[in-house]
Amino acid sequence: MSASGLDVFDKTLQTTHVWLDEIMDRLGCERRAAWHILGAVLRTLRDRIPVDLAAHLGAQLPLLVRGLYYDQWHPGAERRKWRSLDEFQAVVADGLADMKPVDPGDAALAVFQVLNHFVDPGQVAHVRNALPEEVRRQWPQNNADLSAAQSAA
């Protein structure tokens, strides 16, 4: 028997905790901070990529994370046109303004790793390719590349 009475709720809660645990491990933060970080980065991506791609990414997310992702979304609104890594990080930082300071680059990298780990690689590639070059360079194509780079440093 499931704890909530609905297996879908138990599954999404369990999966969301796994995602948050990865962010917490990477950044050394608490669960509440990891939740804010996940939302700030996902919404920054969502508001920059084409609407159809944003919807496809949303479909890949666990149910709870999907709610965080779609919160306050206006798909008919003009897309945010940040073009540089600095602009991207500024938007992420704005989303993190109500919490203990976190480097927006580190926050983004932690979320990129979670997406690489849990979202279909083809979908991740489509999202990465829709971003400006400077941001794409910060998003490793896979987590093995990132691990190798960190080991060499």
C-alpha atoms as a PDB file:
ATOM      1  CA  MET A   1       0.000   0.000   0.000  1.00  0.00           C
ATOM      2  CA  SER A   2       1.337   3.412  -0.829  1.00  0.00           C
ATOM      3  CA  ALA A   3       1.886   6.029   1.871  1.00  0.00           C
ATOM      4  CA  SER A   4      -0.437   8.567   0.214  1.00  0.00           C
ATOM      5  CA  GLY A   5      -2.938   6.133  -1.209  1.00  0.00           C
ATOM      6  CA  LEU A   6      -1.870   7.028  -4.755  1.00  0.00           C
ATOM      7  CA  ASP A   7       1.257   5.511  -6.248  1.00  0.00           C
ATOM      8  CA  VAL A   8       1.722   8.474  -8.596  1.00  0.00           C
ATOM      9  CA  PHE A   9       2.122  10.822  -5.611  1.00  0.00           C
ATOM     10  CA  ASP A  10       4.555   8.518  -3.870  1.00  0.00           C
ATOM     11  CA  LYS A  11       6.608   8.124  -7.034  1.00  0.00           C
ATOM     12  CA  THR A  12       6.831  11.849  -7.780  1.00  0.00           C
ATOM     13  CA  LEU A  13       7.726  12.643  -4.177  1.00  0.00           C
ATOM     14  CA  GLN A  14      10.460  10.007  -4.186  1.00  0.00           C
ATOM     15  CA  THR A  15      11.847  11.177  -7.543  1.00  0.00           C
ATOM     16  CA  THR A  16      11.745  14.836  -6.501  1.00  0.00           C
ATOM     17  CA  HIS A  17      13.704  13.991  -3.347  1.00  0.00           C
ATOM     18  CA  VAL A  18      16.344  12.257  -5.477  1.00  0.00           C
ATOM     19  CA  TRP A  19      16.654  15.354  -7.673  1.00  0.00           C
ATOM     20  CA  LEU A  20      16.905  17.626  -4.630  1.00  0.00           C
ATOM     21  CA  ASP A  21      19.449  15.309  -2.978  1.00  0.00           C
ATOM     22  CA  GLU A  22      21.722  15.670  -6.007  1.00  0.00           C
ATOM     23  CA  ILE A  23      21.507  19.460  -5.838  1.00  0.00           C
ATOM     24  CA  MET A  24      22.116  19.387  -2.080  1.00  0.00           C
ATOM     25  CA  ASP A  25      25.156  17.141  -2.509  1.00  0.00           C
ATOM     26  CA  ARG A  26      26.593  19.382  -5.220  1.00  0.00           C
ATOM     27  CA  LEU A  27      26.026  22.688  -3.423  1.00  0.00           C
ATOM     28  CA  GLY A  28      26.065  21.690   0.253  1.00  0.00           C
ATOM     29  CA  CYS A  29      22.719  23.369   0.815  1.00  0.00           C
ATOM     30  CA  GLU A  30      19.504  22.430   2.592  1.00  0.00           C
ATOM     31  CA  ARG A  31      16.471  20.907   0.881  1.00  0.00           C
ATOM     32  CA  ARG A  32      14.477  24.181   0.876  1.00  0.00           C
ATOM     33  CA  ALA A  33      17.380  25.954  -0.859  1.00  0.00           C
ATOM     34  CA  ALA A  34      17.707  23.103  -3.378  1.00  0.00           C
ATOM     35  CA  TRP A  35      13.995  23.478  -4.211  1.00  0.00           C
ATOM     36  CA  HIS A  36      14.416  27.230  -4.808  1.00  0.00           C
ATOM     37  CA  ILE A  37      17.530  26.643  -6.908  1.00  0.00           C
ATOM     38  CA  LEU A  38      15.802  24.014  -9.036  1.00  0.00           C
ATOM     39  CA  GLY A  39      12.864  26.347  -9.661  1.00  0.00           C
ATOM     40  CA  ALA A  40      14.961  29.425 -10.411  1.00  0.00           C
ATOM     41  CA  VAL A  41      17.112  27.654 -12.997  1.00  0.00           C
ATOM     42  CA  LEU A  42      14.261  25.734 -14.625  1.00  0.00           C
ATOM     43  CA  ARG A  43      12.102  28.841 -14.970  1.00  0.00           C
ATOM     44  CA  THR A  44      15.019  30.819 -16.386  1.00  0.00           C
ATOM     45  CA  LEU A  45      15.451  28.145 -19.058  1.00  0.00           C
ATOM     46  CA  ARG A  46      11.697  27.871 -19.641  1.00  0.00           C
ATOM     47  CA  ASP A  47      11.302  31.572 -20.276  1.00  0.00           C
ATOM     48  CA  ARG A  48      14.134  31.666 -22.830  1.00  0.00           C
ATOM     49  CA  ILE A  49      13.534  28.603 -25.005  1.00  0.00           C
ATOM     50  CA  PRO A  50      10.728  28.306 -27.585  1.00  0.00           C
ATOM     51  CA  VAL A  51       7.300  27.504 -26.133  1.00  0.00           C
ATOM     52  CA  ASP A  52       7.011  24.071 -27.772  1.00  0.00           C
ATOM     53  CA  LEU A  53      10.443  23.081 -26.470  1.00  0.00           C
ATOM     54  CA  ALA A  54       9.543  24.374 -23.004  1.00  0.00           C
ATOM     55  CA  ALA A  55       6.445  22.166 -23.043  1.00  0.00           C
ATOM     56  CA  HIS A  56       8.462  19.134 -24.160  1.00  0.00           C
ATOM     57  CA  LEU A  57      10.943  19.694 -21.340  1.00  0.00           C
ATOM     58  CA  GLY A  58       8.104  20.106 -18.849  1.00  0.00           C
ATOM     59  CA  ALA A  59       6.684  16.741 -19.898  1.00  0.00           C
ATOM     60  CA  GLN A  60       9.964  15.097 -18.873  1.00  0.00           C
ATOM     61  CA  LEU A  61       9.881  16.441 -15.317  1.00  0.00           C
ATOM     62  CA  PRO A  62       8.495  14.656 -12.248  1.00  0.00           C
ATOM     63  CA  LEU A  63       4.973  15.806 -11.417  1.00  0.00           C
ATOM     64  CA  LEU A  64       6.000  17.973  -8.433  1.00  0.00           C
ATOM     65  CA  VAL A  65       8.900  19.534 -10.326  1.00  0.00           C
ATOM     66  CA  ARG A  66       6.582  20.126 -13.268  1.00  0.00           C
ATOM     67  CA  GLY A  67       4.366  22.249 -11.016  1.00  0.00           C
ATOM     68  CA  LEU A  68       7.404  24.270  -9.924  1.00  0.00           C
ATOM     69  CA  TYR A  69       8.457  24.670 -13.548  1.00  0.00           C
ATOM     70  CA  TYR A  70       5.058  25.819 -14.818  1.00  0.00           C
ATOM     71  CA  ASP A  71       4.330  28.103 -11.849  1.00  0.00           C
ATOM     72  CA  GLN A  72       3.442  31.595 -13.124  1.00  0.00           C
ATOM     73  CA  TRP A  73       4.211  30.661 -16.738  1.00  0.00           C
ATOM     74  CA  HIS A  74       2.654  32.779 -19.457  1.00  0.00           C
ATOM     75  CA  PRO A  75       3.357  30.882 -22.691  1.00  0.00           C
ATOM     76  CA  GLY A  76       1.942  33.695 -24.811  1.00  0.00           C
ATOM     77  CA  ALA A  77       4.308  36.258 -23.305  1.00  0.00           C
ATOM     78  CA  GLU A  78       7.362  37.416 -25.190  1.00  0.00           C
ATOM     79  CA  ARG A  79      10.338  35.131 -24.591  1.00  0.00           C
ATOM     80  CA  ARG A  80      13.199  36.508 -22.507  1.00  0.00           C
ATOM     81  CA  LYS A  81      16.064  37.268 -24.833  1.00  0.00           C
ATOM     82  CA  TRP A  82      19.091  37.120 -22.580  1.00  0.00           C
ATOM     83  CA  ARG A  83      22.073  36.433 -24.814  1.00  0.00           C
ATOM     84  CA  SER A  84      25.087  36.054 -22.545  1.00  0.00           C
ATOM     85  CA  LEU A  85      26.189  33.961 -19.614  1.00  0.00           C
ATOM     86  CA  ASP A  86      26.177  37.070 -17.429  1.00  0.00           C
ATOM     87  CA  GLU A  87      22.568  37.843 -18.358  1.00  0.00           C
ATOM     88  CA  PHE A  88      21.547  34.213 -17.755  1.00  0.00           C
ATOM     89  CA  GLN A  89      23.208  34.218 -14.335  1.00  0.00           C
ATOM     90  CA  ALA A  90      21.582  37.565 -13.483  1.00  0.00           C
ATOM     91  CA  VAL A  91      18.124  36.110 -14.174  1.00  0.00           C
ATOM     92  CA  VAL A  92      18.938  33.030 -12.069  1.00  0.00           C
ATOM     93  CA  ALA A  93      20.244  35.316  -9.297  1.00  0.00           C
ATOM     94  CA  ASP A  94      16.961  37.271  -9.379  1.00  0.00           C
ATOM     95  CA  GLY A  95      15.126  33.989  -8.845  1.00  0.00           C
ATOM     96  CA  LEU A  96      17.351  33.256  -5.852  1.00  0.00           C
ATOM     97  CA  ALA A  97      17.085  36.716  -4.290  1.00  0.00           C
ATOM     98  CA  ASP A  98      14.905  35.630  -1.356  1.00  0.00           C
ATOM     99  CA  MET A  99      17.350  33.093   0.024  1.00  0.00           C
ATOM    100  CA  LYS A 100      20.847  32.723   1.417  1.00  0.00           C
ATOM    101  CA  PRO A 101      23.348  33.751  -1.276  1.00  0.00           C
ATOM    102  CA  VAL A 102      24.201  31.034  -3.791  1.00  0.00           C
ATOM    103  CA  ASP A 103      26.461  31.494  -6.785  1.00  0.00           C
ATOM    104  CA  PRO A 104      24.084  31.443  -9.786  1.00  0.00           C
ATOM    105  CA  GLY A 105      26.688  29.665 -11.942  1.00  0.00           C
ATOM    106  CA  ASP A 106      27.040  26.879  -9.376  1.00  0.00           C
ATOM    107  CA  ALA A 107      23.259  26.708  -9.019  1.00  0.00           C
ATOM    108  CA  ALA A 108      22.811  26.375 -12.781  1.00  0.00           C
ATOM    109  CA  LEU A 109      25.504  23.717 -13.054  1.00  0.00           C
ATOM    110  CA  ALA A 110      23.875  21.657 -10.295  1.00  0.00           C
ATOM    111  CA  VAL A 111      20.517  21.759 -12.108  1.00  0.00           C
ATOM    112  CA  PHE A 112      22.180  21.021 -15.462  1.00  0.00           C
ATOM    113  CA  GLN A 113      23.699  17.901 -13.898  1.00  0.00           C
ATOM    114  CA  VAL A 114      20.305  16.773 -12.589  1.00  0.00           C
ATOM    115  CA  LEU A 115      18.735  17.303 -16.002  1.00  0.00           C
ATOM    116  CA  ASN A 116      21.599  15.401 -17.663  1.00  0.00           C
ATOM    117  CA  HIS A 117      21.089  12.557 -15.213  1.00  0.00           C
ATOM    118  CA  PHE A 118      17.310  12.212 -15.316  1.00  0.00           C
ATOM    119  CA  VAL A 119      15.936  13.750 -18.529  1.00  0.00           C
ATOM    120  CA  ASP A 120      16.120  12.085 -21.936  1.00  0.00           C
ATOM    121  CA  PRO A 121      19.514  12.992 -23.478  1.00  0.00           C
ATOM    122  CA  GLY A 122      17.878  13.996 -26.752  1.00  0.00           C
ATOM    123  CA  GLN A 123      15.579  16.420 -24.931  1.00  0.00           C
ATOM    124  CA  VAL A 124      18.508  17.863 -22.986  1.00  0.00           C
ATOM    125  CA  ALA A 125      20.410  18.355 -26.256  1.00  0.00           C
ATOM    126  CA  HIS A 126      17.456  20.215 -27.789  1.00  0.00           C
ATOM    127  CA  VAL A 127      17.248  22.552 -24.790  1.00  0.00           C
ATOM    128  CA  ARG A 128      21.023  23.134 -24.715  1.00  0.00           C
ATOM    129  CA  ASN A 129      21.064  23.883 -28.437  1.00  0.00           C
ATOM    130  CA  ALA A 130      18.326  26.511 -28.011  1.00  0.00           C
ATOM    131  CA  LEU A 131      20.535  28.526 -25.656  1.00  0.00           C
ATOM    132  CA  PRO A 132      23.220  31.090 -26.446  1.00  0.00           C
ATOM    133  CA  GLU A 133      26.704  29.666 -26.972  1.00  0.00           C
ATOM    134  CA  GLU A 134      28.119  31.036 -23.703  1.00  0.00           C
ATOM    135  CA  VAL A 135      25.453  29.219 -21.696  1.00  0.00           C
ATOM    136  CA  ARG A 136      25.814  26.008 -23.737  1.00  0.00           C
ATOM    137  CA  ARG A 137      29.512  25.957 -22.861  1.00  0.00           C
ATOM    138  CA  GLN A 138      28.587  25.985 -19.159  1.00  0.00           C
ATOM    139  CA  TRP A 139      26.204  23.023 -19.556  1.00  0.00           C
ATOM    140  CA  PRO A 140      28.244  19.843 -19.936  1.00  0.00           C
ATOM    141  CA  GLN A 141      26.976  17.503 -22.629  1.00  0.00           C
ATOM    142  CA  ASN A 142      26.959  14.740 -20.045  1.00  0.00           C
ATOM    143  CA  ASN A 143      27.949  14.285 -16.426  1.00  0.00           C
ATOM    144  CA  ALA A 144      30.883  12.018 -17.300  1.00  0.00           C
ATOM    145  CA  ASP A 145      32.524  14.961 -19.122  1.00  0.00           C
ATOM    146  CA  LEU A 146      32.002  17.130 -16.048  1.00  0.00           C
ATOM    147  CA  SER A 147      33.419  14.512 -13.688  1.00  0.00           C
ATOM    148  CA  ALA A 148      36.518  14.125 -15.849  1.00  0.00           C
ATOM    149  CA  ALA A 149      37.022  17.903 -15.950  1.00  0.00           C
ATOM    150  CA  GLN A 150      36.648  18.193 -12.173  1.00  0.00           C
ATOM    151  CA  SER A 151      39.112  15.324 -11.594  1.00  0.00           C
ATOM    152  CA  ALA A 152      41.695  17.031 -13.795  1.00  0.00           C
ATOM    153  CA  ALA A 153      41.337  20.344 -11.944  1.00  0.00           C
END
